[in-house]
């Protein structure tokens, strides 16, 4: 188990500048992003799908320059979660998402990235929730199979507004639809909704990656001093199930849910100092 950092915490800067910050903060591993039309640190998913090897080689040169490895790649195919979602009502969009996933999986394979995180799909208003969940589950299984062809673990992040905005639906996506997929667990998306910790803990056995974002009930992101997640307990629970992956610090600056109210650099450093003794390694 190790503590890592999401490069897109500083996405107002180009990727190389973000990687320099990550390295100078003492981290040895990083999460990378492929957010469509967002930030300067992301690699466009369409560019990756068009030439995964070229994009991977360019990123690989930067990682080597700063002595970093990547623990997770996080592409998002639309400018918001409801755009180009895995369960989009348009069948052509669904197929295009799978082609983007294939390109991203090849990208990860070439860079030796063990897993990629995607969004699970949203509750499109013209369909019932169960229908949205069924379609998302079907395509999540296809996505996991595609990623598996390249030796890459397919992960998905449950979030507010998605088909998996509760721990129970997130677990259903794995157990009923995509057994080789794993959850990228971010407690903040559930704590935001006043969901009890015991319900969130139930996701731990199905978890392949962890995002660390300090939070409190009703707030998606807070300063570390306002955090209510019992990180020592969460880390012990992860150890108890044999979790060997990363806990990636993921402060971000965006308009969504007032995520632009924190100093990501200061809070990242503060959170690292608090959690490193509990995790034990960078």
Protein backbone atom coordinates (compact mmCIF):
# COMPACT_ATOMS: atom_id res chain seq x y z
CA UNK A 1 0.00 0.00 0.00
CA UNK A 2 1.31 3.44 -0.86
CA UNK A 3 0.26 7.09 -0.80
CA UNK A 4 0.21 8.71 -4.24
CA UNK A 5 -0.97 11.97 -5.77
CA UNK A 6 -3.30 12.90 -8.62
CA UNK A 7 -1.49 15.14 -11.10
CA UNK A 8 -4.79 16.81 -11.97
CA UNK A 9 -4.91 18.38 -8.51
CA UNK A 10 -2.94 21.15 -10.22
CA UNK A 11 -4.55 20.98 -13.66
CA UNK A 12 -4.39 24.72 -14.24
CA UNK A 13 -0.77 23.88 -15.15
CA UNK A 14 0.55 21.77 -18.05
CA UNK A 15 1.24 18.12 -17.32
CA UNK A 16 5.00 18.49 -16.99
CA UNK A 17 4.61 21.23 -14.38
CA UNK A 18 2.15 19.02 -12.47
CA UNK A 19 4.61 16.13 -12.51
CA UNK A 20 7.38 18.41 -11.25
CA UNK A 21 5.19 19.39 -8.30
CA UNK A 22 4.33 15.75 -7.59
CA UNK A 23 8.01 14.78 -7.55
CA UNK A 24 9.16 17.77 -5.50
CA UNK A 25 6.50 16.96 -2.91
CA UNK A 26 8.28 13.64 -2.44
CA UNK A 27 5.86 11.31 -4.24
CA UNK A 28 7.13 8.46 -6.38
CA UNK A 29 3.85 7.57 -8.07
CA UNK A 30 1.06 9.56 -9.67
CA UNK A 31 -2.46 9.29 -11.10
CA UNK A 32 -2.93 10.76 -14.57
CA UNK A 33 -6.10 12.09 -16.17
CA UNK A 34 -7.66 12.06 -19.61
CA UNK A 35 -10.44 14.58 -19.05
CA UNK A 36 -12.03 15.79 -22.28
CA UNK A 37 -11.80 19.58 -22.71
CA UNK A 38 -10.74 20.18 -19.14
CA UNK A 39 -7.50 21.45 -17.65
CA UNK A 40 -4.01 21.59 -19.12
CA UNK A 41 -2.73 18.39 -17.51
CA UNK A 42 -5.01 15.89 -19.27
CA UNK A 43 -4.40 13.84 -22.39
CA UNK A 44 -7.42 13.92 -24.70
CA UNK A 45 -9.08 10.48 -24.95
CA UNK A 46 -9.70 10.99 -28.67
CA UNK A 47 -5.97 11.59 -29.23
CA UNK A 48 -5.14 8.47 -27.26
CA UNK A 49 -7.59 6.35 -29.24
CA UNK A 50 -6.15 7.69 -32.50
CA UNK A 51 -2.55 6.76 -31.58
CA UNK A 52 -2.14 5.14 -28.15
CA UNK A 53 1.53 4.32 -28.65
CA UNK A 54 2.57 7.84 -29.60
CA UNK A 55 0.67 9.40 -26.70
CA UNK A 56 2.03 6.81 -24.27
CA UNK A 57 5.60 7.36 -25.39
CA UNK A 58 5.29 11.12 -24.91
CA UNK A 59 3.86 10.69 -21.41
CA UNK A 60 6.41 7.99 -20.63
CA UNK A 61 9.25 10.39 -21.39
CA UNK A 62 7.81 12.87 -18.88
CA UNK A 63 7.30 10.24 -16.19
CA UNK A 64 10.89 9.06 -16.63
CA UNK A 65 12.19 12.61 -16.45
CA UNK A 66 10.68 13.02 -12.99
CA UNK A 67 11.27 9.47 -11.76
CA UNK A 68 7.57 8.66 -11.45
CA UNK A 69 5.37 5.67 -12.17
CA UNK A 70 1.63 5.86 -12.79
CA UNK A 71 -0.84 3.94 -10.62
CA UNK A 72 -4.10 4.86 -12.39
CA UNK A 73 -5.29 6.57 -15.56
CA UNK A 74 -8.64 8.38 -15.31
CA UNK A 75 -10.24 9.25 -18.66
CA UNK A 76 -13.57 11.04 -18.96
CA UNK A 77 -15.07 11.13 -22.42
CA UNK A 78 -17.43 14.08 -22.13
CA UNK A 79 -17.22 17.59 -20.71
CA UNK A 80 -19.63 16.45 -17.96
CA UNK A 81 -20.65 13.00 -16.67
CA UNK A 82 -23.90 12.97 -18.68
CA UNK A 83 -22.06 13.53 -21.97
CA UNK A 84 -20.63 10.46 -23.73
CA UNK A 85 -21.59 8.29 -20.78
CA UNK A 86 -21.19 4.53 -20.79
CA UNK A 87 -25.00 4.13 -20.87
CA UNK A 88 -25.79 7.00 -23.25
CA UNK A 89 -29.22 6.66 -24.94
CA UNK A 90 -27.47 6.84 -28.31
CA UNK A 91 -26.12 3.40 -29.26
CA UNK A 92 -23.44 4.99 -31.44
CA UNK A 93 -22.13 6.91 -28.41
CA UNK A 94 -22.06 3.70 -26.37
CA UNK A 95 -19.95 2.01 -29.06
CA UNK A 96 -17.66 5.01 -29.35
CA UNK A 97 -17.06 4.94 -25.59
CA UNK A 98 -15.94 1.31 -25.89
CA UNK A 99 -13.53 2.25 -28.68
CA UNK A 100 -12.09 5.01 -26.49
CA UNK A 101 -11.72 2.50 -23.65
CA UNK A 102 -9.78 0.18 -25.96
CA UNK A 103 -7.40 2.97 -26.91
CA UNK A 104 -6.94 3.99 -23.29
CA UNK A 105 -6.27 0.37 -22.29
CA UNK A 106 -3.55 0.11 -24.95
CA UNK A 107 -2.13 3.40 -23.63
CA UNK A 108 -2.05 1.98 -20.09
CA UNK A 109 -0.48 -1.28 -21.21
CA UNK A 110 2.37 0.51 -22.99
CA UNK A 111 3.06 2.65 -19.90
CA UNK A 112 2.72 -0.22 -17.43
CA UNK A 113 -0.24 1.44 -15.70
CA UNK A 114 -2.04 -1.32 -13.75
CA UNK A 115 -5.54 0.14 -13.89
CA UNK A 116 -7.80 2.75 -15.43
CA UNK A 117 -10.78 4.43 -13.82
CA UNK A 118 -13.89 5.38 -15.78
CA UNK A 119 -17.27 6.83 -14.82
CA UNK A 120 -20.08 4.26 -14.59
CA UNK A 121 -22.80 6.19 -16.42
CA UNK A 122 -25.59 8.42 -15.19
CA UNK A 123 -29.33 8.28 -14.62
CA UNK A 124 -30.60 9.58 -17.94
CA UNK A 125 -34.00 11.15 -17.22
CA UNK A 126 -36.02 9.43 -19.95
CA UNK A 127 -35.28 5.97 -18.52
CA UNK A 128 -36.00 4.36 -15.18
CA UNK A 129 -33.07 4.01 -12.80
CA UNK A 130 -33.07 0.22 -13.10
CA UNK A 131 -32.90 0.45 -16.90
CA UNK A 132 -30.00 2.91 -16.66
CA UNK A 133 -28.24 0.60 -14.23
CA UNK A 134 -28.75 -2.49 -16.40
CA UNK A 135 -27.35 -0.80 -19.50
CA UNK A 136 -24.44 0.66 -17.54
CA UNK A 137 -23.70 -2.75 -16.04
CA UNK A 138 -23.71 -4.43 -19.44
CA UNK A 139 -21.26 -1.90 -20.88
CA UNK A 140 -19.12 -1.95 -17.77
CA UNK A 141 -18.68 -5.68 -18.28
CA UNK A 142 -17.71 -5.10 -21.92
CA UNK A 143 -15.28 -2.38 -20.85
CA UNK A 144 -13.72 -4.64 -18.22
CA UNK A 145 -13.28 -7.38 -20.82
CA UNK A 146 -11.60 -4.96 -23.21
CA UNK A 147 -9.24 -3.66 -20.53
CA UNK A 148 -8.48 -7.24 -19.51
CA UNK A 149 -7.25 -8.02 -23.02
CA UNK A 150 -4.40 -5.58 -22.30
CA UNK A 151 -3.74 -6.74 -18.74
CA UNK A 152 -5.31 -3.59 -17.30
CA UNK A 153 -7.76 -3.56 -14.39
CA UNK A 154 -10.97 -1.69 -15.21
CA UNK A 155 -12.15 0.47 -12.31
CA UNK A 156 -15.17 2.76 -11.99
CA UNK A 157 -15.82 5.62 -9.61
CA UNK A 158 -19.28 5.84 -8.00
CA UNK A 159 -20.30 9.48 -7.77
CA UNK A 160 -23.20 11.79 -7.07
CA UNK A 161 -25.59 11.76 -10.04
CA UNK A 162 -24.33 8.48 -11.44
CA UNK A 163 -26.14 5.15 -11.66
CA UNK A 164 -23.94 4.16 -8.71
CA UNK A 165 -24.45 7.04 -6.33
CA UNK A 166 -24.95 4.70 -3.36
CA UNK A 167 -22.59 1.98 -2.07
CA UNK A 168 -25.24 -0.65 -2.70
CA UNK A 169 -25.63 0.13 -6.40
CA UNK A 170 -21.85 0.34 -6.82
CA UNK A 171 -21.51 -3.15 -5.37
CA UNK A 172 -24.35 -4.40 -7.60
CA UNK A 173 -22.44 -3.28 -10.68
CA UNK A 174 -19.59 -5.59 -9.69
CA UNK A 175 -21.47 -8.56 -8.29
CA UNK A 176 -24.28 -8.73 -10.86
CA UNK A 177 -22.73 -7.35 -14.03
CA UNK A 178 -18.94 -6.94 -14.13
CA UNK A 179 -17.17 -9.25 -11.68
CA UNK A 180 -13.69 -8.39 -12.97
CA UNK A 181 -14.25 -4.64 -12.55
CA UNK A 182 -13.20 -2.92 -9.36
CA UNK A 183 -14.42 0.19 -7.56
CA UNK A 184 -12.33 3.32 -7.33
CA UNK A 185 -13.50 4.22 -3.85
CA UNK A 186 -13.89 7.88 -2.96
CA UNK A 187 -15.68 8.28 0.36
CA UNK A 188 -16.42 11.94 -0.35
CA UNK A 189 -19.06 11.15 -2.99
CA UNK A 190 -21.04 9.21 -0.39
CA UNK A 191 -20.35 11.40 2.65
CA UNK A 192 -21.63 14.34 0.58
CA UNK A 193 -25.02 12.58 0.62
CA UNK A 194 -24.99 11.90 4.39
CA UNK A 195 -24.52 8.16 3.78
CA UNK A 196 -23.39 6.29 6.89
CA UNK A 197 -19.80 5.14 7.00
CA UNK A 198 -20.70 1.50 7.59
CA UNK A 199 -22.54 1.42 4.26
CA UNK A 200 -19.48 2.87 2.52
CA UNK A 201 -17.09 0.44 4.20
CA UNK A 202 -19.00 -2.38 2.46
CA UNK A 203 -17.33 -1.32 -0.83
CA UNK A 204 -13.83 -2.07 0.46
CA UNK A 205 -13.68 -5.76 -0.59
CA UNK A 206 -14.54 -4.68 -4.16
CA UNK A 207 -12.03 -1.83 -4.30
CA UNK A 208 -9.11 -1.61 -6.73
CA UNK A 209 -8.09 2.01 -6.18
CA UNK A 210 -8.75 4.71 -3.58
CA UNK A 211 -9.17 8.46 -3.95
CA UNK A 212 -8.45 10.42 -0.79
CA UNK A 213 -10.45 13.62 -0.55
CA UNK A 214 -11.16 15.15 2.87
CA UNK A 215 -14.84 15.90 3.26
CA UNK A 216 -17.77 16.24 5.63
CA UNK A 217 -21.49 15.60 5.32
CA UNK A 218 -23.05 17.84 2.69
CA UNK A 219 -19.68 18.93 1.27
CA UNK A 220 -17.73 17.13 -1.46
CA UNK A 221 -14.35 18.62 -0.55
CA UNK A 222 -13.09 20.40 2.55
CA UNK A 223 -9.86 21.51 4.11
CA UNK A 224 -8.15 18.71 6.00
CA UNK A 225 -8.94 20.31 9.35
CA UNK A 226 -12.66 20.01 8.54
CA UNK A 227 -12.45 16.38 7.43
CA UNK A 228 -14.74 13.84 9.13
CA UNK A 229 -13.58 10.63 7.40
CA UNK A 230 -11.77 8.41 9.95
CA UNK A 231 -8.79 7.69 7.71
CA UNK A 232 -6.93 5.56 10.27
CA UNK A 233 -9.94 3.23 10.47
CA UNK A 234 -10.39 3.15 6.68
CA UNK A 235 -6.73 2.28 6.17
CA UNK A 236 -6.92 -0.53 8.72
CA UNK A 237 -9.99 -1.91 6.96
CA UNK A 238 -8.15 -1.83 3.62
CA UNK A 239 -5.21 -3.67 5.16
CA UNK A 240 -7.57 -6.25 6.66
CA UNK A 241 -8.78 -7.32 3.18
CA UNK A 242 -5.23 -7.38 1.81
CA UNK A 243 -5.48 -4.21 -0.27
CA UNK A 244 -2.08 -3.57 -1.89
CA UNK A 245 -2.95 -0.61 -4.10
CA UNK A 246 -2.62 3.14 -3.87
CA UNK A 247 -4.41 5.81 -1.90
CA UNK A 248 -4.24 8.78 -4.22
CA UNK A 249 -4.67 12.27 -2.80
CA UNK A 250 -7.25 13.93 -5.01
CA UNK A 251 -7.89 17.57 -4.21
CA UNK A 252 -9.27 19.25 -7.31
CA UNK A 253 -10.26 22.76 -8.32
CA UNK A 254 -13.50 22.90 -10.33
CA UNK A 255 -16.89 24.62 -10.23
CA UNK A 256 -18.71 21.30 -9.67
CA UNK A 257 -20.03 21.12 -6.07
CA UNK A 258 -17.84 24.12 -5.10
CA UNK A 259 -14.60 22.20 -5.52
CA UNK A 260 -12.85 25.50 -6.21
CA UNK A 261 -12.86 26.62 -2.57
CA UNK A 262 -9.63 24.94 -1.40
CA UNK A 263 -5.93 25.61 -1.95
CA UNK A 264 -5.07 22.28 -3.55
CA UNK A 265 -1.31 22.64 -3.00
CA UNK A 266 -1.53 23.48 0.70
CA UNK A 267 -4.23 20.91 1.45
CA UNK A 268 -2.42 18.17 -0.45
CA UNK A 269 0.73 18.74 1.60
CA UNK A 270 -1.25 18.84 4.85
CA UNK A 271 -3.11 15.63 4.02
CA UNK A 272 0.10 13.89 3.00
CA UNK A 273 1.71 14.75 6.34
CA UNK A 274 -1.33 13.43 8.21
CA UNK A 275 -1.75 10.17 6.31
CA UNK A 276 1.81 9.10 5.46
CA UNK A 277 2.48 7.68 8.96
CA UNK A 278 -0.69 5.57 8.61
CA UNK A 279 0.07 4.28 5.09
CA UNK A 280 3.81 3.98 5.52
CA UNK A 281 5.13 4.58 1.99
CA UNK A 282 5.04 6.95 -0.96
